[in-house]
Every structure is written in C-alpha cells, then in structure tokens.
Amino acid sequence: MVTSWSPDKKHSDVERWICIYPAYLNSKKTLAQGRRLPRAQCVENPTHQEIRDVLLTAGMRVGVENKLYPRERSKEILFRGRIRVQIKNDDGTLVNADFPTRESVMRYIGESIPKMKNRQNRPADQQPQTTSQAATKSKGKKGRR
C-alpha cells in the first residue's frame, strides 16, 4: 500500500524521520542480511550508541528506539536499537545541507565511527564480537550419479 504525504504529517513528527539500524552499517553482514552500503564504507559491529553519538556531534536531531532489525537472528542486546534521524524541516528544507539523503547520513556514520576515541583505543581482542552463527545448510536435492 502506498500512502501519500498529507499536510497533517509534518517532517518534525518522529514517524517521518529516517530509520537507521546498526545492521545497515555492519561490515560483517552481507547485503542479504541487511547491509545497505558497500563493505568498504561500513564499520565492524556498530552499536546504536555509537551511531547516536556520531549524529549528535554532527548537530542532527536523533531519537533512539528499542527495536530489533527484522533480519537479525541474534536477540543479543548488542544488536538492539533503531536510530531515527530528522533530515527535513516542516517546510521541506534540509536540516543540514551536508545530509540531503539517508545514504549520505549512513556514509557519514561509516566514516565517523572508526574515528571515535573508544574505537581507536581498543585493542583488537576487546572489539565487540558477534556470536558465531550456525552454518546454513543448502536445501537442494543431492546430486545422484
């Protein structure tokens, strides 16, 4: 169902803000698992707190929701969180000219998270780790000879 924009819906309504899940920017994910950018522009296991901090320092209006990405198999707290970001004002103008689209916001996040102090000072063995996922079995018929 396609809904059109109506005058009673304002860009300042949180429901109209763009959504960003950490999975969109996770270099460990595949496109099928929800990654939205090329792997080179993503970061390993970003958290919703890191995304929020980066956007707040950029001067964006941000909201955090306790949601889990639908394609996420793991129910761990590390993967929870959805970020809402306002990119347009009520009159339709951009909040920040540097971020005209959802993709531009995600690219900025992917560039900024590795520069954060808590990411730079961590030894490799203390980086956030994901639980190993079970290998998926192919569901095709075995070839008979």
N, C-alpha and C. Protein backbone atom coordinates (compact mmCIF):
# COMPACT_ATOMS: atom_id res chain seq x y z
N MET A 1 0.84 -1.17 0.00
CA MET A 1 0.00 0.00 0.00
C MET A 1 0.89 1.23 0.00
N VAL A 2 0.60 2.16 -0.87
CA VAL A 2 1.36 3.40 -0.96
C VAL A 2 0.55 4.50 -0.31
N THR A 3 1.16 5.18 0.65
CA THR A 3 0.48 6.30 1.28
C THR A 3 1.13 7.58 0.82
N SER A 4 0.33 8.55 0.55
CA SER A 4 0.88 9.83 0.11
C SER A 4 1.08 10.74 1.32
N TRP A 5 1.91 11.72 1.13
CA TRP A 5 2.17 12.67 2.20
C TRP A 5 0.95 13.54 2.38
N SER A 6 0.53 13.75 3.58
CA SER A 6 -0.62 14.61 3.84
C SER A 6 -0.17 15.81 4.67
N PRO A 7 -0.89 16.93 4.54
CA PRO A 7 -0.48 18.15 5.25
C PRO A 7 -0.44 18.00 6.76
N ASP A 8 -1.24 17.07 7.33
CA ASP A 8 -1.22 16.92 8.77
C ASP A 8 0.00 16.16 9.28
N LYS A 9 0.77 15.53 8.38
CA LYS A 9 2.02 14.88 8.75
C LYS A 9 3.16 15.87 8.52
N LYS A 10 3.87 16.20 9.56
CA LYS A 10 4.97 17.16 9.49
C LYS A 10 6.30 16.43 9.53
N HIS A 11 7.31 17.04 8.94
CA HIS A 11 8.64 16.45 8.96
C HIS A 11 9.22 16.40 10.38
N SER A 12 8.67 17.20 11.28
CA SER A 12 9.16 17.16 12.65
C SER A 12 8.55 16.01 13.44
N ASP A 13 7.52 15.34 12.89
CA ASP A 13 6.97 14.15 13.54
C ASP A 13 8.01 13.03 13.47
N VAL A 14 8.28 12.41 14.59
CA VAL A 14 9.32 11.38 14.66
C VAL A 14 9.03 10.24 13.69
N GLU A 15 7.77 9.96 13.43
CA GLU A 15 7.42 8.89 12.49
C GLU A 15 7.89 9.18 11.07
N ARG A 16 8.14 10.43 10.75
CA ARG A 16 8.57 10.83 9.42
C ARG A 16 10.10 10.84 9.28
N TRP A 17 10.83 10.67 10.37
CA TRP A 17 12.28 10.68 10.34
C TRP A 17 12.77 9.37 9.73
N ILE A 18 13.97 9.40 9.16
CA ILE A 18 14.54 8.18 8.57
C ILE A 18 14.98 7.23 9.69
N CYS A 19 14.96 5.94 9.38
CA CYS A 19 15.38 4.90 10.33
C CYS A 19 16.74 4.35 9.91
N ILE A 20 17.60 4.15 10.89
CA ILE A 20 18.89 3.52 10.64
C ILE A 20 19.09 2.44 11.70
N TYR A 21 19.25 1.22 11.24
CA TYR A 21 19.59 0.11 12.12
C TYR A 21 21.10 -0.11 12.04
N PRO A 22 21.75 -0.55 13.11
CA PRO A 22 23.19 -0.84 13.06
C PRO A 22 23.54 -1.85 11.96
N ALA A 23 22.65 -2.76 11.63
CA ALA A 23 22.92 -3.77 10.60
C ALA A 23 23.17 -3.12 9.23
N TYR A 24 22.59 -1.94 8.99
CA TYR A 24 22.79 -1.25 7.71
C TYR A 24 24.26 -0.91 7.48
N LEU A 25 25.01 -0.73 8.58
CA LEU A 25 26.39 -0.26 8.51
C LEU A 25 27.40 -1.30 8.97
N ASN A 26 26.97 -2.53 9.19
CA ASN A 26 27.83 -3.56 9.74
C ASN A 26 28.60 -4.26 8.61
N SER A 27 29.92 -4.10 8.61
CA SER A 27 30.74 -4.71 7.55
C SER A 27 30.76 -6.24 7.65
N LYS A 28 30.33 -6.80 8.77
CA LYS A 28 30.28 -8.25 8.93
C LYS A 28 29.03 -8.86 8.29
N LYS A 29 28.08 -8.02 7.92
CA LYS A 29 26.84 -8.50 7.32
C LYS A 29 26.96 -8.52 5.80
N THR A 30 26.14 -9.34 5.18
CA THR A 30 26.04 -9.35 3.71
C THR A 30 24.88 -8.45 3.32
N LEU A 31 24.75 -8.20 2.02
CA LEU A 31 23.62 -7.41 1.55
C LEU A 31 22.30 -8.10 1.89
N ALA A 32 22.28 -9.42 1.78
CA ALA A 32 21.07 -10.18 2.10
C ALA A 32 20.73 -10.11 3.59
N GLN A 33 21.72 -9.91 4.44
CA GLN A 33 21.50 -9.80 5.88
C GLN A 33 21.15 -8.38 6.30
N GLY A 34 21.17 -7.44 5.36
CA GLY A 34 20.70 -6.10 5.68
C GLY A 34 21.70 -4.97 5.52
N ARG A 35 22.93 -5.27 5.14
CA ARG A 35 23.89 -4.18 4.94
C ARG A 35 23.42 -3.34 3.76
N ARG A 36 23.51 -2.00 3.87
CA ARG A 36 23.00 -1.12 2.84
C ARG A 36 24.08 -0.38 2.05
N LEU A 37 25.29 -0.38 2.54
CA LEU A 37 26.40 0.32 1.88
C LEU A 37 27.46 -0.69 1.47
N PRO A 38 28.36 -0.29 0.57
CA PRO A 38 29.50 -1.17 0.25
C PRO A 38 30.31 -1.45 1.52
N ARG A 39 30.86 -2.64 1.60
CA ARG A 39 31.60 -3.07 2.80
C ARG A 39 32.71 -2.09 3.18
N ALA A 40 33.38 -1.50 2.19
CA ALA A 40 34.48 -0.57 2.46
C ALA A 40 34.01 0.69 3.21
N GLN A 41 32.74 1.04 3.09
CA GLN A 41 32.21 2.23 3.75
C GLN A 41 31.54 1.91 5.07
N CYS A 42 31.56 0.65 5.46
CA CYS A 42 30.91 0.22 6.69
C CYS A 42 31.94 0.02 7.80
N VAL A 43 31.43 -0.29 8.98
CA VAL A 43 32.28 -0.47 10.15
C VAL A 43 31.90 -1.79 10.81
N GLU A 44 32.86 -2.40 11.50
CA GLU A 44 32.61 -3.70 12.13
C GLU A 44 31.76 -3.53 13.38
N ASN A 45 30.62 -4.19 13.39
CA ASN A 45 29.71 -4.25 14.54
C ASN A 45 29.43 -2.89 15.19
N PRO A 46 28.83 -1.95 14.46
CA PRO A 46 28.49 -0.67 15.10
C PRO A 46 27.34 -0.87 16.08
N THR A 47 27.28 -0.05 17.09
CA THR A 47 26.18 -0.10 18.06
C THR A 47 25.29 1.11 17.87
N HIS A 48 24.08 1.05 18.39
CA HIS A 48 23.19 2.20 18.25
C HIS A 48 23.70 3.40 19.06
N GLN A 49 24.45 3.13 20.14
CA GLN A 49 25.01 4.24 20.92
C GLN A 49 26.06 5.00 20.10
N GLU A 50 26.90 4.26 19.37
CA GLU A 50 27.92 4.91 18.54
C GLU A 50 27.27 5.73 17.44
N ILE A 51 26.24 5.18 16.81
CA ILE A 51 25.55 5.90 15.74
C ILE A 51 24.91 7.17 16.31
N ARG A 52 24.27 7.05 17.47
CA ARG A 52 23.65 8.21 18.11
C ARG A 52 24.69 9.28 18.43
N ASP A 53 25.81 8.87 19.01
CA ASP A 53 26.84 9.84 19.38
C ASP A 53 27.40 10.59 18.17
N VAL A 54 27.62 9.86 17.08
CA VAL A 54 28.15 10.48 15.86
C VAL A 54 27.17 11.51 15.31
N LEU A 55 25.89 11.16 15.29
CA LEU A 55 24.89 12.07 14.74
C LEU A 55 24.64 13.27 15.64
N LEU A 56 24.71 13.07 16.96
CA LEU A 56 24.55 14.20 17.87
C LEU A 56 25.69 15.20 17.72
N THR A 57 26.91 14.70 17.54
CA THR A 57 28.04 15.62 17.36
C THR A 57 27.95 16.35 16.02
N ALA A 58 27.23 15.78 15.06
CA ALA A 58 27.02 16.44 13.76
C ALA A 58 25.88 17.45 13.84
N GLY A 59 25.19 17.52 14.97
CA GLY A 59 24.13 18.50 15.15
C GLY A 59 22.77 18.05 14.63
N MET A 60 22.57 16.76 14.47
CA MET A 60 21.31 16.24 13.97
C MET A 60 20.35 15.97 15.12
N ARG A 61 19.05 16.02 14.83
CA ARG A 61 18.04 15.62 15.81
C ARG A 61 17.87 14.12 15.70
N VAL A 62 18.04 13.43 16.83
CA VAL A 62 18.12 11.97 16.84
C VAL A 62 17.17 11.41 17.89
N GLY A 63 16.56 10.28 17.56
CA GLY A 63 15.76 9.54 18.52
C GLY A 63 16.22 8.09 18.53
N VAL A 64 16.19 7.44 19.68
CA VAL A 64 16.60 6.04 19.80
C VAL A 64 15.38 5.23 20.21
N GLU A 65 15.16 4.11 19.50
CA GLU A 65 14.05 3.23 19.81
C GLU A 65 14.58 1.84 20.13
N ASN A 66 13.93 1.16 21.05
CA ASN A 66 14.34 -0.18 21.45
C ASN A 66 13.71 -1.20 20.51
N LYS A 67 14.22 -1.25 19.29
CA LYS A 67 13.72 -2.15 18.26
C LYS A 67 14.83 -3.07 17.81
N LEU A 68 14.44 -4.22 17.25
CA LEU A 68 15.40 -5.18 16.71
C LEU A 68 15.17 -5.26 15.21
N TYR A 69 16.25 -5.24 14.45
CA TYR A 69 16.16 -5.33 13.00
C TYR A 69 15.50 -6.67 12.63
N PRO A 70 14.48 -6.66 11.76
CA PRO A 70 13.76 -7.91 11.47
C PRO A 70 14.62 -9.05 10.92
N ARG A 71 15.69 -8.75 10.19
CA ARG A 71 16.53 -9.81 9.63
C ARG A 71 17.58 -10.31 10.62
N GLU A 72 17.67 -9.70 11.78
CA GLU A 72 18.68 -10.08 12.76
C GLU A 72 18.29 -11.37 13.45
N ARG A 73 19.15 -12.36 13.39
CA ARG A 73 18.88 -13.66 14.01
C ARG A 73 19.19 -13.64 15.50
N SER A 74 20.24 -12.95 15.88
CA SER A 74 20.65 -12.92 17.27
C SER A 74 19.76 -11.95 18.04
N LYS A 75 19.34 -12.34 19.21
CA LYS A 75 18.49 -11.48 20.05
C LYS A 75 19.31 -10.75 21.11
N GLU A 76 20.64 -10.72 20.95
CA GLU A 76 21.51 -10.08 21.94
C GLU A 76 21.26 -8.59 22.02
N ILE A 77 21.51 -8.03 23.16
CA ILE A 77 21.33 -6.59 23.39
C ILE A 77 22.25 -5.77 22.50
N LEU A 78 23.40 -6.34 22.11
CA LEU A 78 24.35 -5.64 21.25
C LEU A 78 23.71 -5.24 19.93
N PHE A 79 22.75 -6.00 19.45
CA PHE A 79 22.16 -5.75 18.14
C PHE A 79 20.85 -4.99 18.21
N ARG A 80 20.41 -4.62 19.39
CA ARG A 80 19.15 -3.90 19.53
C ARG A 80 19.37 -2.42 19.28
N GLY A 81 18.31 -1.74 18.91
CA GLY A 81 18.33 -0.30 18.76
C GLY A 81 18.08 0.13 17.34
N ARG A 82 17.20 1.09 17.19
CA ARG A 82 16.94 1.72 15.90
C ARG A 82 17.06 3.21 16.11
N ILE A 83 17.78 3.86 15.23
CA ILE A 83 18.00 5.29 15.32
C ILE A 83 17.07 5.99 14.34
N ARG A 84 16.40 7.04 14.79
CA ARG A 84 15.58 7.89 13.94
C ARG A 84 16.31 9.21 13.80
N VAL A 85 16.36 9.73 12.56
CA VAL A 85 17.10 10.96 12.29
C VAL A 85 16.22 11.89 11.45
N GLN A 86 16.12 13.14 11.87
CA GLN A 86 15.37 14.12 11.10
C GLN A 86 16.29 14.74 10.06
N ILE A 87 15.91 14.61 8.77
CA ILE A 87 16.74 15.24 7.73
C ILE A 87 16.03 16.41 7.05
N LYS A 88 14.71 16.58 7.29
CA LYS A 88 13.97 17.70 6.70
C LYS A 88 13.17 18.43 7.77
N ASN A 89 13.05 19.75 7.58
CA ASN A 89 12.22 20.57 8.43
C ASN A 89 10.77 20.48 7.98
N ASP A 90 9.85 21.10 8.73
CA ASP A 90 8.44 21.06 8.38
C ASP A 90 8.15 21.68 7.01
N ASP A 91 8.95 22.69 6.63
CA ASP A 91 8.72 23.34 5.33
C ASP A 91 9.38 22.59 4.18
N GLY A 92 10.01 21.45 4.46
CA GLY A 92 10.62 20.64 3.41
C GLY A 92 12.08 20.94 3.14
N THR A 93 12.64 21.95 3.80
CA THR A 93 14.05 22.26 3.62
C THR A 93 14.88 21.29 4.45
N LEU A 94 16.15 21.15 4.07
CA LEU A 94 17.04 20.22 4.77
C LEU A 94 17.44 20.78 6.13
N VAL A 95 17.51 19.91 7.11
CA VAL A 95 18.00 20.29 8.44
C VAL A 95 19.48 20.65 8.35
N ASN A 96 20.23 19.83 7.59
CA ASN A 96 21.66 20.04 7.41
C ASN A 96 21.97 19.78 5.94
N ALA A 97 22.51 20.77 5.24
CA ALA A 97 22.78 20.65 3.80
C ALA A 97 23.79 19.55 3.49
N ASP A 98 24.60 19.16 4.48
CA ASP A 98 25.57 18.08 4.27
C ASP A 98 24.90 16.71 4.17
N PHE A 99 23.66 16.61 4.64
CA PHE A 99 22.97 15.32 4.67
C PHE A 99 21.62 15.41 3.96
N PRO A 100 21.62 15.43 2.63
CA PRO A 100 20.36 15.54 1.90
C PRO A 100 19.59 14.21 1.81
N THR A 101 20.27 13.08 1.97
CA THR A 101 19.62 11.78 1.80
C THR A 101 19.99 10.83 2.94
N ARG A 102 19.24 9.75 3.03
CA ARG A 102 19.52 8.70 4.00
C ARG A 102 20.92 8.12 3.76
N GLU A 103 21.27 7.92 2.48
CA GLU A 103 22.57 7.34 2.15
C GLU A 103 23.71 8.26 2.59
N SER A 104 23.54 9.57 2.45
CA SER A 104 24.60 10.50 2.87
C SER A 104 24.79 10.44 4.39
N VAL A 105 23.70 10.26 5.13
CA VAL A 105 23.80 10.14 6.59
C VAL A 105 24.55 8.85 6.94
N MET A 106 24.21 7.75 6.28
CA MET A 106 24.85 6.48 6.58
C MET A 106 26.33 6.50 6.20
N ARG A 107 26.68 7.15 5.08
CA ARG A 107 28.10 7.25 4.71
C ARG A 107 28.88 8.03 5.76
N TYR A 108 28.29 9.12 6.26
CA TYR A 108 28.94 9.92 7.30
C TYR A 108 29.17 9.08 8.56
N ILE A 109 28.18 8.30 8.94
CA ILE A 109 28.31 7.44 10.13
C ILE A 109 29.44 6.44 9.92
N GLY A 110 29.47 5.82 8.73
CA GLY A 110 30.51 4.84 8.43
C GLY A 110 31.91 5.43 8.47
N GLU A 111 32.04 6.71 8.10
CA GLU A 111 33.35 7.39 8.16
C GLU A 111 33.71 7.79 9.58
N SER A 112 32.71 8.16 10.37
CA SER A 112 32.96 8.76 11.68
C SER A 112 33.17 7.77 12.81
N ILE A 113 32.51 6.64 12.79
CA ILE A 113 32.63 5.69 13.91
C ILE A 113 34.07 5.22 14.10
N PRO A 114 34.82 4.88 13.04
CA PRO A 114 36.21 4.46 13.28
C PRO A 114 37.09 5.55 13.90
N LYS A 115 36.70 6.81 13.79
CA LYS A 115 37.47 7.91 14.34
C LYS A 115 37.17 8.17 15.81
N MET A 116 36.16 7.50 16.35
CA MET A 116 35.78 7.72 17.75
C MET A 116 36.88 7.22 18.67
N LYS A 117 37.05 7.90 19.79
CA LYS A 117 38.11 7.54 20.74
C LYS A 117 37.95 6.12 21.27
N ASN A 118 36.73 5.73 21.60
CA ASN A 118 36.55 4.38 22.16
C ASN A 118 36.85 3.30 21.12
N ARG A 119 36.80 3.62 19.83
CA ARG A 119 37.16 2.65 18.79
C ARG A 119 38.68 2.62 18.57
N GLN A 120 39.34 3.75 18.68
CA GLN A 120 40.77 3.83 18.40
C GLN A 120 41.62 3.25 19.52
N ASN A 121 41.17 3.37 20.76
CA ASN A 121 41.97 2.96 21.90
C ASN A 121 41.80 1.50 22.27
N ARG A 122 40.86 0.81 21.65
CA ARG A 122 40.59 -0.59 21.99
C ARG A 122 41.56 -1.54 21.31
N PRO A 123 42.16 -2.44 22.07
CA PRO A 123 42.96 -3.48 21.42
C PRO A 123 42.05 -4.40 20.61
N ALA A 124 42.59 -5.08 19.64
CA ALA A 124 41.81 -5.92 18.74
C ALA A 124 41.05 -7.02 19.48
N ASP A 125 41.63 -7.53 20.58
CA ASP A 125 40.96 -8.61 21.30
C ASP A 125 39.78 -8.12 22.14
N GLN A 126 39.62 -6.81 22.29
CA GLN A 126 38.49 -6.27 23.06
C GLN A 126 37.42 -5.65 22.17
N GLN A 127 37.52 -5.81 20.85
CA GLN A 127 36.50 -5.31 19.95
C GLN A 127 35.22 -6.10 20.18
N PRO A 128 34.06 -5.49 19.93
CA PRO A 128 32.82 -6.25 20.12
C PRO A 128 32.79 -7.45 19.19
N GLN A 129 32.43 -8.59 19.75
CA GLN A 129 32.39 -9.82 18.97
C GLN A 129 30.95 -10.28 18.81
N THR A 130 30.65 -10.89 17.69
CA THR A 130 29.34 -11.49 17.49
C THR A 130 29.44 -12.96 17.79
N THR A 131 28.33 -13.54 18.16
CA THR A 131 28.33 -14.98 18.38
C THR A 131 28.39 -15.66 17.03
N SER A 132 29.07 -16.78 16.98
CA SER A 132 29.18 -17.47 15.69
C SER A 132 27.82 -18.01 15.31
N GLN A 133 27.43 -17.73 14.08
CA GLN A 133 26.12 -18.18 13.62
C GLN A 133 26.27 -19.56 13.02
N ALA A 134 25.23 -20.34 13.18
CA ALA A 134 25.26 -21.70 12.65
C ALA A 134 25.35 -21.64 11.13
N ALA A 135 26.14 -22.55 10.60
CA ALA A 135 26.30 -22.58 9.14
C ALA A 135 24.97 -23.00 8.53
N THR A 136 24.57 -22.28 7.49
CA THR A 136 23.30 -22.61 6.86
C THR A 136 23.50 -23.76 5.89
N LYS A 137 22.57 -24.68 5.92
CA LYS A 137 22.65 -25.85 5.05
C LYS A 137 21.85 -25.56 3.79
N SER A 138 22.35 -26.02 2.67
CA SER A 138 21.60 -25.84 1.44
C SER A 138 20.43 -26.82 1.44
N LYS A 139 19.32 -26.35 0.90
CA LYS A 139 18.12 -27.17 0.94
C LYS A 139 17.80 -27.73 -0.45
N GLY A 140 18.81 -28.02 -1.22
CA GLY A 140 18.59 -28.59 -2.54
C GLY A 140 18.74 -30.10 -2.48
N LYS A 141 18.30 -30.74 -3.55
CA LYS A 141 18.45 -32.20 -3.62
C LYS A 141 19.89 -32.54 -3.90
N LYS A 142 20.34 -33.62 -3.31
CA LYS A 142 21.71 -34.06 -3.56
C LYS A 142 21.78 -34.68 -4.94
N GLY A 143 22.88 -34.40 -5.61
CA GLY A 143 23.06 -34.96 -6.95
C GLY A 143 23.32 -36.46 -6.89
N ARG A 144 22.60 -37.20 -7.73
CA ARG A 144 22.79 -38.67 -7.76
C ARG A 144 23.50 -39.03 -9.03
N ARG A 145 24.37 -40.01 -8.92
CA ARG A 145 25.13 -40.42 -10.09
C ARG A 145 24.78 -41.81 -10.50
